[in-house]
């Protein structure tokens, strides 16, 4: 589908999201508060504090995801402006 994107994760995210392939489903958009989002938890450090898996999406992947969002919103005419 033009609103789905196959995202390759190398290395994979921590369990239970540890599949090397993740799917971006841009037709399932939601608005949420940053306070309600949780980063994937890796382990606890020597002080007992949690360590999180923080990553950035590659620019080429992010461009494709933006295209998927525009497709999902029916704004395909704007893809040329990305």
PDB file of N, CA and C in Angstrom:
ATOM      1  N   UNK A   1       0.849  -1.179   0.000  1.00  0.00           N
ATOM      2  CA  UNK A   1       0.000   0.000   0.000  1.00  0.00           C
ATOM      3  C   UNK A   1       0.896   1.245   0.000  1.00  0.00           C
ATOM      4  N   UNK A   2       0.474   2.309  -0.617  1.00  0.00           N
ATOM      5  CA  UNK A   2       1.299   3.522  -0.671  1.00  0.00           C
ATOM      6  C   UNK A   2       1.428   4.239   0.677  1.00  0.00           C
ATOM      7  N   UNK A   3       0.631   3.841   1.650  1.00  0.00           N
ATOM      8  CA  UNK A   3       0.729   4.464   2.970  1.00  0.00           C
ATOM      9  C   UNK A   3       1.426   3.562   3.989  1.00  0.00           C
ATOM     10  N   UNK A   4       2.067   2.488   3.523  1.00  0.00           N
ATOM     11  CA  UNK A   4       2.851   1.601   4.387  1.00  0.00           C
ATOM     12  C   UNK A   4       4.314   1.660   3.962  1.00  0.00           C
ATOM     13  N   UNK A   5       5.208   1.550   4.939  1.00  0.00           N
ATOM     14  CA  UNK A   5       6.640   1.560   4.642  1.00  0.00           C
ATOM     15  C   UNK A   5       7.342   0.501   5.484  1.00  0.00           C
ATOM     16  N   UNK A   6       8.169  -0.273   4.821  1.00  0.00           N
ATOM     17  CA  UNK A   6       8.949  -1.340   5.477  1.00  0.00           C
ATOM     18  C   UNK A   6      10.253  -0.720   5.974  1.00  0.00           C
ATOM     19  N   UNK A   7      10.398  -0.609   7.274  1.00  0.00           N
ATOM     20  CA  UNK A   7      11.552   0.029   7.892  1.00  0.00           C
ATOM     21  C   UNK A   7      12.485  -1.038   8.451  1.00  0.00           C
ATOM     22  N   UNK A   8      13.722  -1.030   7.988  1.00  0.00           N
ATOM     23  CA  UNK A   8      14.736  -1.989   8.435  1.00  0.00           C
ATOM     24  C   UNK A   8      15.434  -1.421   9.669  1.00  0.00           C
ATOM     25  N   UNK A   9      15.429  -2.169  10.760  1.00  0.00           N
ATOM     26  CA  UNK A   9      16.047  -1.732  12.013  1.00  0.00           C
ATOM     27  C   UNK A   9      17.334  -2.522  12.242  1.00  0.00           C
ATOM     28  N   UNK A  10      18.476  -1.835  12.167  1.00  0.00           N
ATOM     29  CA  UNK A  10      19.775  -2.474  12.413  1.00  0.00           C
ATOM     30  C   UNK A  10      20.545  -1.651  13.414  1.00  0.00           C
ATOM     31  N   UNK A  11      20.858  -2.172  14.554  1.00  0.00           N
ATOM     32  CA  UNK A  11      20.413  -3.453  15.108  1.00  0.00           C
ATOM     33  C   UNK A  11      18.938  -3.375  15.509  1.00  0.00           C
ATOM     34  N   UNK A  12      18.306  -4.525  15.689  1.00  0.00           N
ATOM     35  CA  UNK A  12      16.893  -4.525  16.084  1.00  0.00           C
ATOM     36  C   UNK A  12      16.674  -3.824  17.426  1.00  0.00           C
ATOM     37  N   UNK A  13      15.464  -3.367  17.627  1.00  0.00           N
ATOM     38  CA  UNK A  13      15.084  -2.764  18.899  1.00  0.00           C
ATOM     39  C   UNK A  13      15.068  -3.834  19.990  1.00  0.00           C
ATOM     40  N   UNK A  14      15.041  -3.418  21.261  1.00  0.00           N
ATOM     41  CA  UNK A  14      14.955  -4.403  22.349  1.00  0.00           C
ATOM     42  C   UNK A  14      13.627  -5.168  22.325  1.00  0.00           C
ATOM     43  N   UNK A  15      13.622  -6.322  22.962  1.00  0.00           N
ATOM     44  CA  UNK A  15      12.412  -7.132  23.112  1.00  0.00           C
ATOM     45  C   UNK A  15      11.332  -6.276  23.793  1.00  0.00           C
ATOM     46  N   UNK A  16      10.105  -6.330  23.384  1.00  0.00           N
ATOM     47  CA  UNK A  16       9.418  -7.216  22.460  1.00  0.00           C
ATOM     48  C   UNK A  16       9.310  -6.662  21.042  1.00  0.00           C
ATOM     49  N   UNK A  17      10.084  -5.637  20.715  1.00  0.00           N
ATOM     50  CA  UNK A  17      10.051  -5.011  19.381  1.00  0.00           C
ATOM     51  C   UNK A  17      11.271  -5.419  18.575  1.00  0.00           C
ATOM     52  N   UNK A  18      11.814  -6.604  18.820  1.00  0.00           N
ATOM     53  CA  UNK A  18      13.110  -6.998  18.316  1.00  0.00           C
ATOM     54  C   UNK A  18      13.138  -7.555  16.899  1.00  0.00           C
ATOM     55  N   UNK A  19      12.108  -7.375  16.124  1.00  0.00           N
ATOM     56  CA  UNK A  19      12.134  -7.785  14.730  1.00  0.00           C
ATOM     57  C   UNK A  19      13.000  -6.801  13.946  1.00  0.00           C
ATOM     58  N   UNK A  20      13.788  -7.313  13.012  1.00  0.00           N
ATOM     59  CA  UNK A  20      14.630  -6.433  12.193  1.00  0.00           C
ATOM     60  C   UNK A  20      13.777  -5.600  11.238  1.00  0.00           C
ATOM     61  N   UNK A  21      12.588  -6.071  10.929  1.00  0.00           N
ATOM     62  CA  UNK A  21      11.667  -5.350  10.045  1.00  0.00           C
ATOM     63  C   UNK A  21      10.521  -4.783  10.873  1.00  0.00           C
ATOM     64  N   UNK A  22      10.295  -3.483  10.748  1.00  0.00           N
ATOM     65  CA  UNK A  22       9.167  -2.806  11.384  1.00  0.00           C
ATOM     66  C   UNK A  22       8.346  -2.149  10.270  1.00  0.00           C
ATOM     67  N   UNK A  23       7.067  -2.079  10.434  1.00  0.00           N
ATOM     68  CA  UNK A  23       6.211  -1.464   9.425  1.00  0.00           C
ATOM     69  C   UNK A  23       5.675  -0.127   9.919  1.00  0.00           C
ATOM     70  N   UNK A  24       5.829   0.880   9.099  1.00  0.00           N
ATOM     71  CA  UNK A  24       5.230   2.188   9.360  1.00  0.00           C
ATOM     72  C   UNK A  24       3.874   2.164   8.681  1.00  0.00           C
ATOM     73  N   UNK A  25       2.822   2.360   9.450  1.00  0.00           N
ATOM     74  CA  UNK A  25       1.464   2.365   8.913  1.00  0.00           C
ATOM     75  C   UNK A  25       0.945   3.791   9.024  1.00  0.00           C
ATOM     76  N   UNK A  26       1.225   4.578   7.994  1.00  0.00           N
ATOM     77  CA  UNK A  26       0.961   6.014   8.023  1.00  0.00           C
ATOM     78  C   UNK A  26      -0.524   6.350   7.954  1.00  0.00           C
ATOM     79  N   UNK A  27      -1.374   5.371   7.723  1.00  0.00           N
ATOM     80  CA  UNK A  27      -2.814   5.624   7.721  1.00  0.00           C
ATOM     81  C   UNK A  27      -3.389   5.520   9.134  1.00  0.00           C
ATOM     82  N   UNK A  28      -2.541   5.271  10.123  1.00  0.00           N
ATOM     83  CA  UNK A  28      -2.997   5.133  11.509  1.00  0.00           C
ATOM     84  C   UNK A  28      -2.369   6.229  12.367  1.00  0.00           C
ATOM     85  N   UNK A  29      -2.563   7.472  11.961  1.00  0.00           N
ATOM     86  CA  UNK A  29      -1.994   8.613  12.669  1.00  0.00           C
ATOM     87  C   UNK A  29      -2.748   8.890  13.960  1.00  0.00           C
ATOM     88  N   UNK A  30      -2.005   9.385  14.947  1.00  0.00           N
ATOM     89  CA  UNK A  30      -2.608   9.754  16.225  1.00  0.00           C
ATOM     90  C   UNK A  30      -1.841  10.937  16.802  1.00  0.00           C
ATOM     91  N   UNK A  31      -2.527  11.756  17.552  1.00  0.00           N
ATOM     92  CA  UNK A  31      -1.889  12.855  18.262  1.00  0.00           C
ATOM     93  C   UNK A  31      -1.804  12.459  19.728  1.00  0.00           C
ATOM     94  N   UNK A  32      -0.571  12.436  20.244  1.00  0.00           N
ATOM     95  CA  UNK A  32      -0.363  12.073  21.642  1.00  0.00           C
ATOM     96  C   UNK A  32       0.629  13.039  22.275  1.00  0.00           C
ATOM     97  N   UNK A  33       0.573  13.129  23.575  1.00  0.00           N
ATOM     98  CA  UNK A  33       1.488  13.969  24.339  1.00  0.00           C
ATOM     99  C   UNK A  33       2.828  13.256  24.491  1.00  0.00           C
ATOM    100  N   UNK A  34       3.937  14.001  24.450  1.00  0.00           N
ATOM    101  CA  UNK A  34       5.247  13.400  24.671  1.00  0.00           C
ATOM    102  C   UNK A  34       5.316  12.741  26.049  1.00  0.00           C
ATOM    103  N   UNK A  35       4.587  13.268  27.030  1.00  0.00           N
ATOM    104  CA  UNK A  35       4.595  12.687  28.362  1.00  0.00           C
ATOM    105  C   UNK A  35       4.001  11.273  28.382  1.00  0.00           C
ATOM    106  N   UNK A  36       3.187  10.936  27.382  1.00  0.00           N
ATOM    107  CA  UNK A  36       2.562   9.612  27.348  1.00  0.00           C
ATOM    108  C   UNK A  36       3.378   8.594  26.569  1.00  0.00           C
ATOM    109  N   UNK A  37       4.445   9.043  25.926  1.00  0.00           N
ATOM    110  CA  UNK A  37       5.281   8.133  25.150  1.00  0.00           C
ATOM    111  C   UNK A  37       6.389   7.560  26.029  1.00  0.00           C
ATOM    112  N   UNK A  38       6.749   6.309  25.783  1.00  0.00           N
ATOM    113  CA  UNK A  38       7.807   5.654  26.538  1.00  0.00           C
ATOM    114  C   UNK A  38       8.839   5.103  25.564  1.00  0.00           C
ATOM    115  N   UNK A  39      10.105   5.395  25.799  1.00  0.00           N
ATOM    116  CA  UNK A  39      11.180   4.845  24.980  1.00  0.00           C
ATOM    117  C   UNK A  39      11.401   3.379  25.329  1.00  0.00           C
ATOM    118  N   UNK A  40      11.886   2.585  24.363  1.00  0.00           N
ATOM    119  CA  UNK A  40      12.189   1.183  24.671  1.00  0.00           C
ATOM    120  C   UNK A  40      13.273   1.089  25.755  1.00  0.00           C
ATOM    121  N   UNK A  41      13.003   0.313  26.765  1.00  0.00           N
ATOM    122  CA  UNK A  41      13.880   0.126  27.916  1.00  0.00           C
ATOM    123  C   UNK A  41      14.910  -0.957  27.593  1.00  0.00           C
ATOM    124  N   UNK A  42      16.188  -0.685  27.847  1.00  0.00           N
ATOM    125  CA  UNK A  42      17.250  -1.655  27.574  1.00  0.00           C
ATOM    126  C   UNK A  42      17.617  -2.425  28.839  1.00  0.00           C
ATOM    127  N   UNK A  43      18.085  -1.694  29.849  1.00  0.00           N
ATOM    128  CA  UNK A  43      18.550  -2.316  31.092  1.00  0.00           C
ATOM    129  C   UNK A  43      18.681  -1.233  32.150  1.00  0.00           C
ATOM    130  N   UNK A  44      19.105  -1.634  33.320  1.00  0.00           N
ATOM    131  CA  UNK A  44      19.405  -0.669  34.376  1.00  0.00           C
ATOM    132  C   UNK A  44      20.917  -0.535  34.495  1.00  0.00           C
ATOM    133  N   UNK A  45      21.377   0.695  34.716  1.00  0.00           N
ATOM    134  CA  UNK A  45      22.817   0.903  34.875  1.00  0.00           C
ATOM    135  C   UNK A  45      23.247   0.553  36.298  1.00  0.00           C
ATOM    136  N   UNK A  46      24.506   0.776  36.617  1.00  0.00           N
ATOM    137  CA  UNK A  46      25.037   0.388  37.936  1.00  0.00           C
ATOM    138  C   UNK A  46      24.382   1.147  39.083  1.00  0.00           C
ATOM    139  N   UNK A  47      23.779   2.323  38.786  1.00  0.00           N
ATOM    140  CA  UNK A  47      23.093   3.109  39.812  1.00  0.00           C
ATOM    141  C   UNK A  47      21.616   2.735  39.941  1.00  0.00           C
ATOM    142  N   UNK A  48      21.169   1.772  39.126  1.00  0.00           N
ATOM    143  CA  UNK A  48      19.779   1.349  39.175  1.00  0.00           C
ATOM    144  C   UNK A  48      18.839   2.172  38.313  1.00  0.00           C
ATOM    145  N   UNK A  49      19.397   3.107  37.523  1.00  0.00           N
ATOM    146  CA  UNK A  49      18.556   3.916  36.637  1.00  0.00           C
ATOM    147  C   UNK A  49      18.392   3.209  35.298  1.00  0.00           C
ATOM    148  N   UNK A  50      17.232   3.368  34.721  1.00  0.00           N
ATOM    149  CA  UNK A  50      16.958   2.726  33.433  1.00  0.00           C
ATOM    150  C   UNK A  50      17.738   3.387  32.311  1.00  0.00           C
ATOM    151  N   UNK A  51      18.175   2.556  31.353  1.00  0.00           N
ATOM    152  CA  UNK A  51      18.802   3.038  30.131  1.00  0.00           C
ATOM    153  C   UNK A  51      17.840   2.743  28.988  1.00  0.00           C
ATOM    154  N   UNK A  52      17.704   3.697  28.092  1.00  0.00           N
ATOM    155  CA  UNK A  52      16.738   3.587  27.006  1.00  0.00           C
ATOM    156  C   UNK A  52      17.432   3.528  25.653  1.00  0.00           C
ATOM    157  N   UNK A  53      16.763   2.904  24.696  1.00  0.00           N
ATOM    158  CA  UNK A  53      17.260   2.819  23.324  1.00  0.00           C
ATOM    159  C   UNK A  53      16.750   4.051  22.578  1.00  0.00           C
ATOM    160  N   UNK A  54      17.647   4.986  22.305  1.00  0.00           N
ATOM    161  CA  UNK A  54      17.287   6.227  21.607  1.00  0.00           C
ATOM    162  C   UNK A  54      17.941   6.195  20.232  1.00  0.00           C
ATOM    163  N   UNK A  55      17.141   6.350  19.183  1.00  0.00           N
ATOM    164  CA  UNK A  55      17.662   6.293  17.813  1.00  0.00           C
ATOM    165  C   UNK A  55      17.071   7.400  16.961  1.00  0.00           C
ATOM    166  N   UNK A  56      17.771   7.690  15.882  1.00  0.00           N
ATOM    167  CA  UNK A  56      17.269   8.602  14.871  1.00  0.00           C
ATOM    168  C   UNK A  56      17.021   7.804  13.606  1.00  0.00           C
ATOM    169  N   UNK A  57      15.978   8.173  12.884  1.00  0.00           N
ATOM    170  CA  UNK A  57      15.677   7.512  11.617  1.00  0.00           C
ATOM    171  C   UNK A  57      16.534   8.146  10.531  1.00  0.00           C
ATOM    172  N   UNK A  58      17.096   7.322   9.697  1.00  0.00           N
ATOM    173  CA  UNK A  58      17.889   7.762   8.551  1.00  0.00           C
ATOM    174  C   UNK A  58      17.066   8.745   7.698  1.00  0.00           C
ATOM    175  N   UNK A  59      17.702   9.754   7.147  1.00  0.00           N
ATOM    176  CA  UNK A  59      17.012  10.803   6.375  1.00  0.00           C
ATOM    177  C   UNK A  59      16.240  10.235   5.184  1.00  0.00           C
ATOM    178  N   UNK A  60      16.812   9.242   4.492  1.00  0.00           N
ATOM    179  CA  UNK A  60      16.124   8.624   3.344  1.00  0.00           C
ATOM    180  C   UNK A  60      14.858   7.894   3.798  1.00  0.00           C
ATOM    181  N   UNK A  61      14.941   7.179   4.925  1.00  0.00           N
ATOM    182  CA  UNK A  61      13.761   6.497   5.468  1.00  0.00           C
ATOM    183  C   UNK A  61      12.709   7.518   5.890  1.00  0.00           C
ATOM    184  N   UNK A  62      13.152   8.604   6.522  1.00  0.00           N
ATOM    185  CA  UNK A  62      12.208   9.618   6.988  1.00  0.00           C
ATOM    186  C   UNK A  62      11.477  10.275   5.812  1.00  0.00           C
ATOM    187  N   UNK A  63      12.170  10.487   4.709  1.00  0.00           N
ATOM    188  CA  UNK A  63      11.537  11.045   3.507  1.00  0.00           C
ATOM    189  C   UNK A  63      10.447  10.101   2.998  1.00  0.00           C
ATOM    190  N   UNK A  64      10.742   8.803   2.967  1.00  0.00           N
ATOM    191  CA  UNK A  64       9.738   7.814   2.531  1.00  0.00           C
ATOM    192  C   UNK A  64       8.544   7.785   3.479  1.00  0.00           C
ATOM    193  N   UNK A  65       8.793   7.934   4.778  1.00  0.00           N
ATOM    194  CA  UNK A  65       7.699   7.955   5.747  1.00  0.00           C
ATOM    195  C   UNK A  65       6.822   9.183   5.530  1.00  0.00           C
ATOM    196  N   UNK A  66       7.431  10.324   5.243  1.00  0.00           N
ATOM    197  CA  UNK A  66       6.658  11.539   4.937  1.00  0.00           C
ATOM    198  C   UNK A  66       5.783  11.314   3.707  1.00  0.00           C
ATOM    199  N   UNK A  67       6.317  10.643   2.694  1.00  0.00           N
ATOM    200  CA  UNK A  67       5.535  10.321   1.500  1.00  0.00           C
ATOM    201  C   UNK A  67       4.333   9.445   1.872  1.00  0.00           C
ATOM    202  N   UNK A  68       4.551   8.474   2.726  1.00  0.00           N
ATOM    203  CA  UNK A  68       3.466   7.588   3.162  1.00  0.00           C
ATOM    204  C   UNK A  68       2.374   8.376   3.877  1.00  0.00           C
ATOM    205  N   UNK A  69       2.765   9.328   4.730  1.00  0.00           N
ATOM    206  CA  UNK A  69       1.784  10.149   5.454  1.00  0.00           C
ATOM    207  C   UNK A  69       0.967  10.976   4.457  1.00  0.00           C
ATOM    208  N   UNK A  70       1.628  11.580   3.481  1.00  0.00           N
ATOM    209  CA  UNK A  70       0.896  12.357   2.476  1.00  0.00           C
ATOM    210  C   UNK A  70      -0.055  11.468   1.689  1.00  0.00           C
ATOM    211  N   UNK A  71       0.369  10.260   1.346  1.00  0.00           N
ATOM    212  CA  UNK A  71      -0.519   9.311   0.663  1.00  0.00           C
ATOM    213  C   UNK A  71      -1.729   8.978   1.522  1.00  0.00           C
ATOM    214  N   UNK A  72      -1.497   8.748   2.806  1.00  0.00           N
ATOM    215  CA  UNK A  72      -2.589   8.387   3.712  1.00  0.00           C
ATOM    216  C   UNK A  72      -3.593   9.522   3.855  1.00  0.00           C
ATOM    217  N   UNK A  73      -3.123  10.752   3.799  1.00  0.00           N
ATOM    218  CA  UNK A  73      -4.001  11.919   3.935  1.00  0.00           C
ATOM    219  C   UNK A  73      -4.638  12.348   2.611  1.00  0.00           C
ATOM    220  N   UNK A  74      -4.307  11.641   1.530  1.00  0.00           N
ATOM    221  CA  UNK A  74      -4.853  11.993   0.225  1.00  0.00           C
ATOM    222  C   UNK A  74      -4.202  13.234  -0.368  1.00  0.00           C
ATOM    223  N   UNK A  75      -2.983  13.535   0.051  1.00  0.00           N
ATOM    224  CA  UNK A  75      -2.278  14.731  -0.424  1.00  0.00           C
ATOM    225  C   UNK A  75      -1.087  14.352  -1.302  1.00  0.00           C
ATOM    226  N   UNK A  76      -1.296  13.401  -2.182  1.00  0.00           N
ATOM    227  CA  UNK A  76      -0.204  12.902  -3.025  1.00  0.00           C
ATOM    228  C   UNK A  76       0.386  13.986  -3.924  1.00  0.00           C
ATOM    229  N   UNK A  77      -0.392  15.019  -4.242  1.00  0.00           N
ATOM    230  CA  UNK A  77       0.122  16.093  -5.097  1.00  0.00           C
ATOM    231  C   UNK A  77       1.243  16.874  -4.423  1.00  0.00           C
ATOM    232  N   UNK A  78       1.397  16.750  -3.101  1.00  0.00           N
ATOM    233  CA  UNK A  78       2.441  17.470  -2.366  1.00  0.00           C
ATOM    234  C   UNK A  78       3.757  16.700  -2.264  1.00  0.00           C
ATOM    235  N   UNK A  79       3.775  15.440  -2.694  1.00  0.00           N
ATOM    236  CA  UNK A  79       4.975  14.614  -2.582  1.00  0.00           C
ATOM    237  C   UNK A  79       6.138  15.224  -3.345  1.00  0.00           C
ATOM    238  N   UNK A  80       5.870  15.859  -4.473  1.00  0.00           N
ATOM    239  CA  UNK A  80       6.934  16.461  -5.274  1.00  0.00           C
ATOM    240  C   UNK A  80       7.643  17.604  -4.530  1.00  0.00           C
ATOM    241  N   UNK A  81       7.050  18.146  -3.502  1.00  0.00           N
ATOM    242  CA  UNK A  81       7.637  19.265  -2.760  1.00  0.00           C
ATOM    243  C   UNK A  81       8.501  18.821  -1.584  1.00  0.00           C
ATOM    244  N   UNK A  82       8.574  17.519  -1.345  1.00  0.00           N
ATOM    245  CA  UNK A  82       9.404  17.025  -0.233  1.00  0.00           C
ATOM    246  C   UNK A  82      10.881  17.130  -0.572  1.00  0.00           C
TER     247      UNK A  82
END
